[in-house]
C-alpha atoms as a PDB file:
ATOM      1  CA  UNK A   1      26.153 -46.554 -36.962  1.00  0.00           C
ATOM      2  CA  UNK A   2      23.861 -43.514 -37.283  1.00  0.00           C
ATOM      3  CA  UNK A   3      24.587 -40.836 -34.696  1.00  0.00           C
ATOM      4  CA  UNK A   4      21.956 -38.308 -35.713  1.00  0.00           C
ATOM      5  CA  UNK A   5      21.102 -35.872 -32.988  1.00  0.00           C
ATOM      6  CA  UNK A   6      17.532 -34.663 -32.945  1.00  0.00           C
ATOM      7  CA  UNK A   7      16.911 -31.045 -32.108  1.00  0.00           C
ATOM      8  CA  UNK A   8      14.368 -28.357 -32.691  1.00  0.00           C
ATOM      9  CA  UNK A   9      15.063 -24.717 -33.291  1.00  0.00           C
ATOM     10  CA  UNK A  10      14.086 -22.476 -30.398  1.00  0.00           C
ATOM     11  CA  UNK A  11      11.817 -19.477 -30.699  1.00  0.00           C
ATOM     12  CA  UNK A  12      14.388 -17.082 -29.264  1.00  0.00           C
ATOM     13  CA  UNK A  13      12.459 -16.977 -25.984  1.00  0.00           C
ATOM     14  CA  UNK A  14      13.438 -19.852 -23.697  1.00  0.00           C
ATOM     15  CA  UNK A  15      10.454 -19.132 -21.455  1.00  0.00           C
ATOM     16  CA  UNK A  16       8.096 -19.687 -24.389  1.00  0.00           C
ATOM     17  CA  UNK A  17       9.966 -22.831 -25.403  1.00  0.00           C
ATOM     18  CA  UNK A  18       9.529 -24.162 -21.861  1.00  0.00           C
ATOM     19  CA  UNK A  19       5.783 -23.487 -22.014  1.00  0.00           C
ATOM     20  CA  UNK A  20       5.698 -21.006 -19.136  1.00  0.00           C
ATOM     21  CA  UNK A  21       2.797 -18.612 -18.683  1.00  0.00           C
ATOM     22  CA  UNK A  22       3.533 -15.010 -19.744  1.00  0.00           C
ATOM     23  CA  UNK A  23       6.792 -15.881 -21.519  1.00  0.00           C
ATOM     24  CA  UNK A  24       7.236 -12.348 -22.878  1.00  0.00           C
ATOM     25  CA  UNK A  25       7.173 -10.899 -19.366  1.00  0.00           C
ATOM     26  CA  UNK A  26       9.660 -13.505 -18.104  1.00  0.00           C
ATOM     27  CA  UNK A  27      11.940 -12.752 -21.057  1.00  0.00           C
ATOM     28  CA  UNK A  28      11.712  -8.988 -20.560  1.00  0.00           C
ATOM     29  CA  UNK A  29      12.451  -9.255 -16.843  1.00  0.00           C
ATOM     30  CA  UNK A  30      15.428 -11.512 -17.527  1.00  0.00           C
ATOM     31  CA  UNK A  31      16.854  -9.086 -20.092  1.00  0.00           C
ATOM     32  CA  UNK A  32      16.396  -6.097 -17.771  1.00  0.00           C
ATOM     33  CA  UNK A  33      17.920  -7.975 -14.825  1.00  0.00           C
ATOM     34  CA  UNK A  34      20.889  -8.862 -17.025  1.00  0.00           C
ATOM     35  CA  UNK A  35      21.315  -5.210 -17.982  1.00  0.00           C
ATOM     36  CA  UNK A  36      21.214  -4.201 -14.320  1.00  0.00           C
ATOM     37  CA  UNK A  37      23.777  -6.772 -13.327  1.00  0.00           C
ATOM     38  CA  UNK A  38      26.041  -5.808 -16.239  1.00  0.00           C
ATOM     39  CA  UNK A  39      26.037  -2.226 -14.931  1.00  0.00           C
ATOM     40  CA  UNK A  40      26.833  -3.457 -11.416  1.00  0.00           C
ATOM     41  CA  UNK A  41      29.758  -5.510 -12.736  1.00  0.00           C
ATOM     42  CA  UNK A  42      31.002  -2.709 -15.007  1.00  0.00           C
ATOM     43  CA  UNK A  43      31.165  -0.458 -11.950  1.00  0.00           C
ATOM     44  CA  UNK A  44      32.968  -3.172  -9.940  1.00  0.00           C
ATOM     45  CA  UNK A  45      30.361  -2.949  -7.198  1.00  0.00           C
ATOM     46  CA  UNK A  46      30.025  -5.637  -4.589  1.00  0.00           C
ATOM     47  CA  UNK A  47      26.546  -7.030  -4.078  1.00  0.00           C
ATOM     48  CA  UNK A  48      26.351  -5.127  -0.787  1.00  0.00           C
ATOM     49  CA  UNK A  49      27.357  -1.853  -2.464  1.00  0.00           C
ATOM     50  CA  UNK A  50      24.816  -2.449  -5.229  1.00  0.00           C
ATOM     51  CA  UNK A  51      22.188  -3.173  -2.604  1.00  0.00           C
ATOM     52  CA  UNK A  52      22.831   0.185  -0.941  1.00  0.00           C
ATOM     53  CA  UNK A  53      22.404   1.989  -4.263  1.00  0.00           C
ATOM     54  CA  UNK A  54      19.242   0.061  -5.163  1.00  0.00           C
ATOM     55  CA  UNK A  55      17.761   0.141  -1.663  1.00  0.00           C
ATOM     56  CA  UNK A  56      17.669  -3.634  -1.182  1.00  0.00           C
ATOM     57  CA  UNK A  57      19.689  -6.130   0.799  1.00  0.00           C
ATOM     58  CA  UNK A  58      22.509  -8.269  -0.592  1.00  0.00           C
ATOM     59  CA  UNK A  59      20.358 -11.425  -0.933  1.00  0.00           C
ATOM     60  CA  UNK A  60      18.039  -9.512  -3.314  1.00  0.00           C
ATOM     61  CA  UNK A  61      21.050  -8.597  -5.474  1.00  0.00           C
ATOM     62  CA  UNK A  62      22.096 -12.245  -5.444  1.00  0.00           C
ATOM     63  CA  UNK A  63      18.577 -13.284  -6.502  1.00  0.00           C
ATOM     64  CA  UNK A  64      18.698 -10.714  -9.307  1.00  0.00           C
ATOM     65  CA  UNK A  65      22.075 -12.044 -10.460  1.00  0.00           C
ATOM     66  CA  UNK A  66      20.838 -15.636 -10.409  1.00  0.00           C
ATOM     67  CA  UNK A  67      17.651 -14.937 -12.345  1.00  0.00           C
ATOM     68  CA  UNK A  68      15.300 -15.477  -9.425  1.00  0.00           C
ATOM     69  CA  UNK A  69      12.997 -12.671 -10.489  1.00  0.00           C
ATOM     70  CA  UNK A  70       9.604 -13.620  -9.037  1.00  0.00           C
ATOM     71  CA  UNK A  71       9.991 -10.954  -6.348  1.00  0.00           C
ATOM     72  CA  UNK A  72      10.747  -8.185  -8.855  1.00  0.00           C
ATOM     73  CA  UNK A  73       8.130  -6.313 -10.858  1.00  0.00           C
ATOM     74  CA  UNK A  74       8.976  -4.622 -14.144  1.00  0.00           C
ATOM     75  CA  UNK A  75       8.409  -1.288 -12.405  1.00  0.00           C
ATOM     76  CA  UNK A  76      10.902  -2.178  -9.683  1.00  0.00           C
ATOM     77  CA  UNK A  77      13.504  -3.225 -12.249  1.00  0.00           C
ATOM     78  CA  UNK A  78      13.022   0.092 -14.054  1.00  0.00           C
ATOM     79  CA  UNK A  79      13.529   1.883 -10.714  1.00  0.00           C
ATOM     80  CA  UNK A  80      16.785  -0.034 -10.258  1.00  0.00           C
ATOM     81  CA  UNK A  81      17.961   1.207 -13.654  1.00  0.00           C
ATOM     82  CA  UNK A  82      17.106   4.769 -12.658  1.00  0.00           C
ATOM     83  CA  UNK A  83      18.990   4.338  -9.370  1.00  0.00           C
ATOM     84  CA  UNK A  84      21.981   3.272 -11.465  1.00  0.00           C
ATOM     85  CA  UNK A  85      21.771   6.575 -13.380  1.00  0.00           C
ATOM     86  CA  UNK A  86      20.178   5.093 -16.492  1.00  0.00           C
ATOM     87  CA  UNK A  87      17.429   6.685 -18.540  1.00  0.00           C
ATOM     88  CA  UNK A  88      14.580   4.346 -19.416  1.00  0.00           C
ATOM     89  CA  UNK A  89      12.788   5.049 -22.679  1.00  0.00           C
ATOM     90  CA  UNK A  90       9.734   3.048 -23.650  1.00  0.00           C
ATOM     91  CA  UNK A  91       8.732   3.295 -27.291  1.00  0.00           C
ATOM     92  CA  UNK A  92       5.359   2.027 -28.440  1.00  0.00           C
ATOM     93  CA  UNK A  93       4.400   1.822 -32.102  1.00  0.00           C
ATOM     94  CA  UNK A  94       2.057  -0.248 -34.277  1.00  0.00           C
ATOM     95  CA  UNK A  95       3.248  -3.769 -34.876  1.00  0.00           C
ATOM     96  CA  UNK A  96       4.877  -4.519 -38.223  1.00  0.00           C
ATOM     97  CA  UNK A  97       4.222  -8.268 -38.308  1.00  0.00           C
ATOM     98  CA  UNK A  98       1.471 -10.753 -37.458  1.00  0.00           C
ATOM     99  CA  UNK A  99       2.189 -10.747 -33.733  1.00  0.00           C
ATOM    100  CA  UNK A 100       3.106  -7.920 -31.424  1.00  0.00           C
ATOM    101  CA  UNK A 101       6.598  -8.297 -29.973  1.00  0.00           C
ATOM    102  CA  UNK A 102       8.732  -6.912 -27.190  1.00  0.00           C
ATOM    103  CA  UNK A 103      12.190  -5.612 -28.017  1.00  0.00           C
ATOM    104  CA  UNK A 104      14.632  -4.478 -25.321  1.00  0.00           C
ATOM    105  CA  UNK A 105      18.099  -3.067 -25.883  1.00  0.00           C
ATOM    106  CA  UNK A 106      20.783  -1.482 -23.765  1.00  0.00           C
ATOM    107  CA  UNK A 107      22.343   1.560 -25.381  1.00  0.00           C
ATOM    108  CA  UNK A 108      25.684   2.181 -23.718  1.00  0.00           C
ATOM    109  CA  UNK A 109      26.850   5.755 -24.135  1.00  0.00           C
END
């Protein structure tokens, strides 16, 4: 009996692997939303408390937590980070490989 499991290695961007339009933007928004929610959890904030800080209602915080990001622009997510007392640095430099890429990281102090 041969129980080989077929698989293919992912690209590192699930949105690209799923064939969605603008996969880099989806990936970036998901990473930023995750960073925001990590900060909310680290501060032990309820969704209502987080909503007060970010200027949105609790259902928007729930949507953010659950990855429902269609209603959030990159600019709005950056504003949320600022409201959570985070600096946002954007660094642009010439690409070092065949394709330009987007790299996001959270630098905890």
